[in-house]
Amino acid sequence: MKVKRYIVLVLLGGVIGGVIGLIIGNTKGLSFIEQLHFVTTRNAAVMGCIAIALIVALFVYLLTIQRKALNYKNYIKQQGSYLDMDEREHTASLLFWRTAIICYIQLFISLILLFVFVIGNASKEALIYVVIAFLLASFSSMQYGLFIRKYDPRFPKLGEKNYTEKTLALMDDAERHISLVSLYKIYTVNSLLLVIGIMILGVISISSQENYAVSLIILLVIYAYNIFGYQFKVRKFYK
């Protein structure tokens, strides 16, 4: 079964690579993107205000979720049946997980806004909307860092030494296993996507005769840190 799945993935990758190659060849390295100018001053203002409004609305919702999570956490300390306590602990954990997702969504919205402005060749004045959106999302993330300490004082402070190890130490064996398996799968996929991204960007750069050296350097640094950082951290435990 694994062999069949591997063959299917290889064939699928070949088809996708062929399609990308044809697109690059017929569009001269996707140079048509440079001709797009759909982000006018008015469009930039509308999209920027919508993105900022979404981030603010999500922040208000985030505060509501955090308050509920703290209330459930406080209820757990009160006397009650074990079943009732388990249900409250489960609900509090789900709410705690949801707060992190909301923070990531806010940052993602600010980055998508930047991407749209870049693709649409927005004017320099439009950058102010991106900056405001990113700062608001960053403020929300900082507030989240304060919240997790209220939720569980055992959590290490952001930027504290051995932050990852101390956070994992708070989990039970099942939670730690789920987290590590999930992170390893994401690490593997990220490494593959970085390789594909570097190859595609390199082909586009050569085909269009445009210099994307800075972008390639950034991707190569991220790839090197992702791969060798993990390998060296694992290797030190075998010394």
C-alpha atoms as a PDB file:
ATOM      1  CA  MET A   1       0.000   0.000   0.000  1.00  0.00           C
ATOM      2  CA  LYS A   2       2.825   2.360   0.878  1.00  0.00           C
ATOM      3  CA  VAL A   3       4.597   1.535  -2.401  1.00  0.00           C
ATOM      4  CA  LYS A   4       1.461   2.313  -4.416  1.00  0.00           C
ATOM      5  CA  ARG A   5       0.973   5.578  -2.549  1.00  0.00           C
ATOM      6  CA  TYR A   6       4.619   6.519  -3.170  1.00  0.00           C
ATOM      7  CA  ILE A   7       4.263   5.764  -6.906  1.00  0.00           C
ATOM      8  CA  VAL A   8       1.087   7.837  -7.080  1.00  0.00           C
ATOM      9  CA  LEU A   9       2.811  10.749  -5.348  1.00  0.00           C
ATOM     10  CA  VAL A  10       5.779  10.550  -7.728  1.00  0.00           C
ATOM     11  CA  LEU A  11       3.489  10.501 -10.763  1.00  0.00           C
ATOM     12  CA  LEU A  12       1.432  13.356  -9.353  1.00  0.00           C
ATOM     13  CA  GLY A  13       4.601  15.349  -8.704  1.00  0.00           C
ATOM     14  CA  GLY A  14       5.734  14.712 -12.295  1.00  0.00           C
ATOM     15  CA  VAL A  15       2.412  15.907 -13.691  1.00  0.00           C
ATOM     16  CA  ILE A  16       2.420  19.035 -11.523  1.00  0.00           C
ATOM     17  CA  GLY A  17       6.052  19.715 -12.455  1.00  0.00           C
ATOM     18  CA  GLY A  18       5.229  19.329 -16.153  1.00  0.00           C
ATOM     19  CA  VAL A  19       2.280  21.718 -15.887  1.00  0.00           C
ATOM     20  CA  ILE A  20       4.412  24.273 -14.050  1.00  0.00           C
ATOM     21  CA  GLY A  21       7.114  23.912 -16.709  1.00  0.00           C
ATOM     22  CA  LEU A  22       4.607  24.510 -19.498  1.00  0.00           C
ATOM     23  CA  ILE A  23       3.179  27.556 -17.720  1.00  0.00           C
ATOM     24  CA  ILE A  24       6.640  29.011 -17.164  1.00  0.00           C
ATOM     25  CA  GLY A  25       7.599  28.381 -20.798  1.00  0.00           C
ATOM     26  CA  ASN A  26       4.436  29.918 -22.234  1.00  0.00           C
ATOM     27  CA  THR A  27       4.451  32.943 -19.944  1.00  0.00           C
ATOM     28  CA  LYS A  28       8.181  33.671 -20.163  1.00  0.00           C
ATOM     29  CA  GLY A  29       8.850  32.881 -16.535  1.00  0.00           C
ATOM     30  CA  LEU A  30       5.528  34.273 -15.296  1.00  0.00           C
ATOM     31  CA  SER A  31       6.715  37.766 -16.200  1.00  0.00           C
ATOM     32  CA  PHE A  32       3.077  38.748 -16.786  1.00  0.00           C
ATOM     33  CA  ILE A  33       2.733  39.125 -13.005  1.00  0.00           C
ATOM     34  CA  GLU A  34       4.883  42.239 -13.226  1.00  0.00           C
ATOM     35  CA  GLN A  35       2.289  43.763 -15.553  1.00  0.00           C
ATOM     36  CA  LEU A  36      -0.568  43.434 -13.071  1.00  0.00           C
ATOM     37  CA  HIS A  37      -1.734  46.717 -11.569  1.00  0.00           C
ATOM     38  CA  PHE A  38      -5.145  45.914 -10.157  1.00  0.00           C
ATOM     39  CA  VAL A  39      -4.441  47.405  -6.703  1.00  0.00           C
ATOM     40  CA  THR A  40      -5.316  51.067  -7.163  1.00  0.00           C
ATOM     41  CA  THR A  41      -5.242  53.626  -4.359  1.00  0.00           C
ATOM     42  CA  ARG A  42      -8.965  53.104  -3.775  1.00  0.00           C
ATOM     43  CA  ASN A  43      -8.707  49.311  -3.837  1.00  0.00           C
ATOM     44  CA  ALA A  44      -5.776  49.404  -1.437  1.00  0.00           C
ATOM     45  CA  ALA A  45      -7.783  51.532   1.004  1.00  0.00           C
ATOM     46  CA  VAL A  46     -10.790  49.202   0.824  1.00  0.00           C
ATOM     47  CA  MET A  47      -8.764  45.997   1.207  1.00  0.00           C
ATOM     48  CA  GLY A  48      -6.589  47.521   3.915  1.00  0.00           C
ATOM     49  CA  CYS A  49      -9.598  48.689   5.965  1.00  0.00           C
ATOM     50  CA  ILE A  50     -11.290  45.303   5.580  1.00  0.00           C
ATOM     51  CA  ALA A  51      -8.161  43.458   6.744  1.00  0.00           C
ATOM     52  CA  ILE A  52      -7.704  45.801   9.715  1.00  0.00           C
ATOM     53  CA  ALA A  53     -11.384  45.490  10.659  1.00  0.00           C
ATOM     54  CA  LEU A  54     -11.126  41.679  10.536  1.00  0.00           C
ATOM     55  CA  ILE A  55      -8.051  41.693  12.755  1.00  0.00           C
ATOM     56  CA  VAL A  56      -9.737  44.012  15.289  1.00  0.00           C
ATOM     57  CA  ALA A  57     -12.911  41.874  15.270  1.00  0.00           C
ATOM     58  CA  LEU A  58     -10.847  38.733  15.811  1.00  0.00           C
ATOM     59  CA  PHE A  59      -9.036  40.446  18.686  1.00  0.00           C
ATOM     60  CA  VAL A  60     -12.351  41.204  20.399  1.00  0.00           C
ATOM     61  CA  TYR A  61     -13.415  37.609  19.841  1.00  0.00           C
ATOM     62  CA  LEU A  62     -10.038  36.465  21.167  1.00  0.00           C
ATOM     63  CA  LEU A  63     -10.580  38.338  24.422  1.00  0.00           C
ATOM     64  CA  THR A  64     -13.999  36.686  24.787  1.00  0.00           C
ATOM     65  CA  ILE A  65     -12.547  33.211  24.251  1.00  0.00           C
ATOM     66  CA  GLN A  66      -9.725  33.891  26.678  1.00  0.00           C
ATOM     67  CA  ARG A  67     -12.152  35.002  29.368  1.00  0.00           C
ATOM     68  CA  LYS A  68     -14.195  31.826  28.904  1.00  0.00           C
ATOM     69  CA  ALA A  69     -11.066  29.673  29.069  1.00  0.00           C
ATOM     70  CA  LEU A  70      -9.967  31.345  32.307  1.00  0.00           C
ATOM     71  CA  ASN A  71     -13.446  30.895  33.793  1.00  0.00           C
ATOM     72  CA  TYR A  72     -13.444  27.183  33.008  1.00  0.00           C
ATOM     73  CA  LYS A  73      -9.938  26.895  34.427  1.00  0.00           C
ATOM     74  CA  ASN A  74     -11.097  28.531  37.656  1.00  0.00           C
ATOM     75  CA  TYR A  75     -14.128  26.235  37.830  1.00  0.00           C
ATOM     76  CA  ILE A  76     -11.798  23.240  37.793  1.00  0.00           C
ATOM     77  CA  LYS A  77     -10.336  24.389  41.098  1.00  0.00           C
ATOM     78  CA  GLN A  78     -13.780  24.312  42.679  1.00  0.00           C
ATOM     79  CA  GLN A  79     -15.208  21.173  44.226  1.00  0.00           C
ATOM     80  CA  GLY A  80     -17.277  18.943  41.984  1.00  0.00           C
ATOM     81  CA  SER A  81     -17.595  15.465  40.554  1.00  0.00           C
ATOM     82  CA  TYR A  82     -14.687  14.009  38.619  1.00  0.00           C
ATOM     83  CA  LEU A  83     -16.843  13.794  35.486  1.00  0.00           C
ATOM     84  CA  ASP A  84     -17.748  17.449  35.761  1.00  0.00           C
ATOM     85  CA  MET A  85     -14.105  18.393  36.238  1.00  0.00           C
ATOM     86  CA  ASP A  86     -13.025  16.321  33.227  1.00  0.00           C
ATOM     87  CA  GLU A  87     -15.616  18.019  31.027  1.00  0.00           C
ATOM     88  CA  ARG A  88     -14.502  21.467  32.157  1.00  0.00           C
ATOM     89  CA  GLU A  89     -10.846  20.585  31.635  1.00  0.00           C
ATOM     90  CA  HIS A  90     -11.651  19.369  28.120  1.00  0.00           C
ATOM     91  CA  THR A  91     -13.601  22.547  27.295  1.00  0.00           C
ATOM     92  CA  ALA A  92     -10.867  24.765  28.723  1.00  0.00           C
ATOM     93  CA  SER A  93      -8.241  22.969  26.617  1.00  0.00           C
ATOM     94  CA  LEU A  94     -10.287  23.440  23.433  1.00  0.00           C
ATOM     95  CA  LEU A  95     -10.729  27.141  24.164  1.00  0.00           C
ATOM     96  CA  PHE A  96      -7.009  27.483  24.890  1.00  0.00           C
ATOM     97  CA  TRP A  97      -6.207  25.847  21.526  1.00  0.00           C
ATOM     98  CA  ARG A  98      -8.684  28.166  19.773  1.00  0.00           C
ATOM     99  CA  THR A  99      -6.940  31.280  21.104  1.00  0.00           C
ATOM    100  CA  ALA A 100      -3.668  30.243  19.445  1.00  0.00           C
ATOM    101  CA  ILE A 101      -5.454  29.581  16.129  1.00  0.00           C
ATOM    102  CA  ILE A 102      -7.042  33.051  16.202  1.00  0.00           C
ATOM    103  CA  CYS A 103      -3.643  34.690  16.701  1.00  0.00           C
ATOM    104  CA  TYR A 104      -2.193  32.831  13.731  1.00  0.00           C
ATOM    105  CA  ILE A 105      -5.199  33.772  11.588  1.00  0.00           C
ATOM    106  CA  GLN A 106      -4.635  37.444  12.395  1.00  0.00           C
ATOM    107  CA  LEU A 107      -0.998  37.262  11.312  1.00  0.00           C
ATOM    108  CA  PHE A 108      -1.997  35.327   8.202  1.00  0.00           C
ATOM    109  CA  ILE A 109      -4.477  38.052   7.212  1.00  0.00           C
ATOM    110  CA  SER A 110      -1.765  40.725   7.442  1.00  0.00           C
ATOM    111  CA  LEU A 111       0.592  38.605   5.310  1.00  0.00           C
ATOM    112  CA  ILE A 112      -2.111  37.884   2.711  1.00  0.00           C
ATOM    113  CA  LEU A 113      -2.761  41.631   2.489  1.00  0.00           C
ATOM    114  CA  LEU A 114       0.944  42.190   1.831  1.00  0.00           C
ATOM    115  CA  PHE A 115       0.937  39.434  -0.810  1.00  0.00           C
ATOM    116  CA  VAL A 116      -2.052  40.929  -2.643  1.00  0.00           C
ATOM    117  CA  PHE A 117      -0.450  44.373  -2.628  1.00  0.00           C
ATOM    118  CA  VAL A 118       2.804  42.955  -4.011  1.00  0.00           C
ATOM    119  CA  ILE A 119       1.049  40.969  -6.763  1.00  0.00           C
ATOM    120  CA  GLY A 120      -1.142  43.941  -7.652  1.00  0.00           C
ATOM    121  CA  ASN A 121       1.821  46.359  -7.712  1.00  0.00           C
ATOM    122  CA  ALA A 122       0.305  48.671  -5.127  1.00  0.00           C
ATOM    123  CA  SER A 123       1.785  52.116  -4.542  1.00  0.00           C
ATOM    124  CA  LYS A 124       4.157  52.847  -1.673  1.00  0.00           C
ATOM    125  CA  GLU A 125       1.375  54.679   0.172  1.00  0.00           C
ATOM    126  CA  ALA A 126      -0.543  51.398   0.483  1.00  0.00           C
ATOM    127  CA  LEU A 127       2.205  50.002   2.695  1.00  0.00           C
ATOM    128  CA  ILE A 128       0.742  51.860   5.680  1.00  0.00           C
ATOM    129  CA  TYR A 129      -2.251  49.474   5.722  1.00  0.00           C
ATOM    130  CA  VAL A 130       0.051  46.470   5.810  1.00  0.00           C
ATOM    131  CA  VAL A 131       2.085  47.978   8.654  1.00  0.00           C
ATOM    132  CA  ILE A 132      -1.025  48.768  10.712  1.00  0.00           C
ATOM    133  CA  ALA A 133      -2.481  45.297  10.126  1.00  0.00           C
ATOM    134  CA  PHE A 134       0.793  43.602  11.055  1.00  0.00           C
ATOM    135  CA  LEU A 135       1.269  45.706  14.204  1.00  0.00           C
ATOM    136  CA  LEU A 136      -2.271  44.949  15.373  1.00  0.00           C
ATOM    137  CA  ALA A 137      -1.741  41.230  14.771  1.00  0.00           C
ATOM    138  CA  SER A 138       1.606  41.378  16.592  1.00  0.00           C
ATOM    139  CA  PHE A 139      -0.007  43.158  19.551  1.00  0.00           C
ATOM    140  CA  SER A 140      -2.599  40.393  19.695  1.00  0.00           C
ATOM    141  CA  SER A 141       0.182  37.791  19.780  1.00  0.00           C
ATOM    142  CA  MET A 142       1.898  39.631  22.629  1.00  0.00           C
ATOM    143  CA  GLN A 143      -1.378  39.716  24.533  1.00  0.00           C
ATOM    144  CA  TYR A 144      -1.709  35.987  23.949  1.00  0.00           C
ATOM    145  CA  GLY A 145       1.700  35.518  25.562  1.00  0.00           C
ATOM    146  CA  LEU A 146       0.361  37.204  28.705  1.00  0.00           C
ATOM    147  CA  PHE A 147      -2.819  35.129  28.597  1.00  0.00           C
ATOM    148  CA  ILE A 148      -1.066  31.740  28.634  1.00  0.00           C
ATOM    149  CA  ARG A 149       0.710  32.751  31.847  1.00  0.00           C
ATOM    150  CA  LYS A 150      -2.657  33.533  33.426  1.00  0.00           C
ATOM    151  CA  TYR A 151      -4.126  30.297  32.112  1.00  0.00           C
ATOM    152  CA  ASP A 152      -1.287  28.264  33.603  1.00  0.00           C
ATOM    153  CA  PRO A 153       1.467  30.030  35.608  1.00  0.00           C
ATOM    154  CA  ARG A 154       3.738  27.050  34.957  1.00  0.00           C
ATOM    155  CA  PHE A 155       4.147  28.116  31.328  1.00  0.00           C
ATOM    156  CA  PRO A 156       7.588  29.672  30.707  1.00  0.00           C
ATOM    157  CA  LYS A 157       7.826  33.297  29.685  1.00  0.00           C
ATOM    158  CA  LEU A 158       8.182  34.072  25.984  1.00  0.00           C
ATOM    159  CA  GLY A 159      11.845  34.076  25.032  1.00  0.00           C
ATOM    160  CA  GLU A 160      12.833  32.238  28.212  1.00  0.00           C
ATOM    161  CA  LYS A 161      15.767  29.838  27.951  1.00  0.00           C
ATOM    162  CA  ASN A 162      14.769  26.261  27.026  1.00  0.00           C
ATOM    163  CA  TYR A 163      11.228  27.478  26.286  1.00  0.00           C
ATOM    164  CA  THR A 164      10.381  24.465  24.126  1.00  0.00           C
ATOM    165  CA  GLU A 165      11.622  21.901  26.643  1.00  0.00           C
ATOM    166  CA  LYS A 166       9.771  23.589  29.516  1.00  0.00           C
ATOM    167  CA  THR A 167       6.545  23.741  27.507  1.00  0.00           C
ATOM    168  CA  LEU A 168       6.766  20.061  26.565  1.00  0.00           C
ATOM    169  CA  ALA A 169       7.416  19.177  30.201  1.00  0.00           C
ATOM    170  CA  LEU A 170       3.946  20.509  31.079  1.00  0.00           C
ATOM    171  CA  MET A 171       2.258  17.952  28.799  1.00  0.00           C
ATOM    172  CA  ASP A 172       1.389  14.411  29.714  1.00  0.00           C
ATOM    173  CA  ASP A 173       2.754  11.477  27.683  1.00  0.00           C
ATOM    174  CA  ALA A 174      -0.209  11.392  25.265  1.00  0.00           C
ATOM    175  CA  GLU A 175      -0.133  15.153  24.591  1.00  0.00           C
ATOM    176  CA  ARG A 176       3.625  15.094  24.128  1.00  0.00           C
ATOM    177  CA  HIS A 177       3.407  12.173  21.691  1.00  0.00           C
ATOM    178  CA  ILE A 178       0.696  13.873  19.615  1.00  0.00           C
ATOM    179  CA  SER A 179       2.614  17.163  19.545  1.00  0.00           C
ATOM    180  CA  LEU A 180       5.929  15.594  18.544  1.00  0.00           C
ATOM    181  CA  VAL A 181       4.408  13.413  15.826  1.00  0.00           C
ATOM    182  CA  SER A 182       2.505  16.393  14.401  1.00  0.00           C
ATOM    183  CA  LEU A 183       5.572  18.630  14.470  1.00  0.00           C
ATOM    184  CA  TYR A 184       7.737  15.988  12.806  1.00  0.00           C
ATOM    185  CA  LYS A 185       5.223  15.534   9.993  1.00  0.00           C
ATOM    186  CA  ILE A 186       5.054  19.307   9.499  1.00  0.00           C
ATOM    187  CA  TYR A 187       8.863  19.512   9.525  1.00  0.00           C
ATOM    188  CA  THR A 188       9.075  16.848   6.806  1.00  0.00           C
ATOM    189  CA  VAL A 189       6.467  18.514   4.593  1.00  0.00           C
ATOM    190  CA  ASN A 190       8.018  21.962   5.143  1.00  0.00           C
ATOM    191  CA  SER A 191      11.406  20.661   4.036  1.00  0.00           C
ATOM    192  CA  LEU A 192       9.894  19.214   0.850  1.00  0.00           C
ATOM    193  CA  LEU A 193       7.938  22.396   0.098  1.00  0.00           C
ATOM    194  CA  LEU A 194      11.064  24.516   0.579  1.00  0.00           C
ATOM    195  CA  VAL A 195      12.970  22.385  -1.932  1.00  0.00           C
ATOM    196  CA  ILE A 196      10.124  22.666  -4.442  1.00  0.00           C
ATOM    197  CA  GLY A 197       9.875  26.422  -3.828  1.00  0.00           C
ATOM    198  CA  ILE A 198      13.610  26.925  -4.337  1.00  0.00           C
ATOM    199  CA  MET A 199      13.582  24.922  -7.575  1.00  0.00           C
ATOM    200  CA  ILE A 200      10.533  26.717  -8.985  1.00  0.00           C
ATOM    201  CA  LEU A 201      11.898  30.153  -8.071  1.00  0.00           C
ATOM    202  CA  GLY A 202      15.269  29.264  -9.599  1.00  0.00           C
ATOM    203  CA  VAL A 203      13.651  28.082 -12.850  1.00  0.00           C
ATOM    204  CA  ILE A 204      11.511  31.229 -13.025  1.00  0.00           C
ATOM    205  CA  SER A 205      14.559  33.407 -12.383  1.00  0.00           C
ATOM    206  CA  ILE A 206      16.573  31.772 -15.175  1.00  0.00           C
ATOM    207  CA  SER A 207      13.657  31.606 -17.621  1.00  0.00           C
ATOM    208  CA  SER A 208      12.627  35.223 -17.162  1.00  0.00           C
ATOM    209  CA  GLN A 209      16.213  36.518 -16.849  1.00  0.00           C
ATOM    210  CA  GLU A 210      15.162  38.251 -13.645  1.00  0.00           C
ATOM    211  CA  ASN A 211      17.472  38.177 -10.630  1.00  0.00           C
ATOM    212  CA  TYR A 212      15.723  36.572  -7.652  1.00  0.00           C
ATOM    213  CA  ALA A 213      18.947  36.016  -5.735  1.00  0.00           C
ATOM    214  CA  VAL A 214      17.675  37.672  -2.544  1.00  0.00           C
ATOM    215  CA  SER A 215      14.571  35.487  -2.457  1.00  0.00           C
ATOM    216  CA  LEU A 216      16.637  32.379  -3.143  1.00  0.00           C
ATOM    217  CA  ILE A 217      19.098  33.265  -0.389  1.00  0.00           C
ATOM    218  CA  ILE A 218      16.257  33.683   2.117  1.00  0.00           C
ATOM    219  CA  LEU A 219      14.719  30.328   1.145  1.00  0.00           C
ATOM    220  CA  LEU A 220      18.108  28.601   1.247  1.00  0.00           C
ATOM    221  CA  VAL A 221      18.836  29.986   4.724  1.00  0.00           C
ATOM    222  CA  ILE A 222      15.431  28.824   5.969  1.00  0.00           C
ATOM    223  CA  TYR A 223      15.953  25.404   4.394  1.00  0.00           C
ATOM    224  CA  ALA A 224      19.444  25.041   5.866  1.00  0.00           C
ATOM    225  CA  TYR A 225      18.221  26.057   9.328  1.00  0.00           C
ATOM    226  CA  ASN A 226      15.219  23.739   9.051  1.00  0.00           C
ATOM    227  CA  ILE A 227      17.260  20.701   8.005  1.00  0.00           C
ATOM    228  CA  PHE A 228      20.626  21.085   9.704  1.00  0.00           C
ATOM    229  CA  GLY A 229      19.202  22.725  12.823  1.00  0.00           C
ATOM    230  CA  TYR A 230      17.014  19.667  13.398  1.00  0.00           C
ATOM    231  CA  GLN A 231      19.760  17.160  12.518  1.00  0.00           C
ATOM    232  CA  PHE A 232      22.355  18.740  14.811  1.00  0.00           C
ATOM    233  CA  LYS A 233      19.903  19.049  17.702  1.00  0.00           C
ATOM    234  CA  VAL A 234      19.082  15.350  17.392  1.00  0.00           C
ATOM    235  CA  ARG A 235      22.735  14.348  16.979  1.00  0.00           C
ATOM    236  CA  LYS A 236      23.877  16.024  20.205  1.00  0.00           C
ATOM    237  CA  PHE A 237      21.823  13.539  22.235  1.00  0.00           C
ATOM    238  CA  TYR A 238      23.863  10.664  20.779  1.00  0.00           C
ATOM    239  CA  LYS A 239      27.224  12.064  21.817  1.00  0.00           C
END
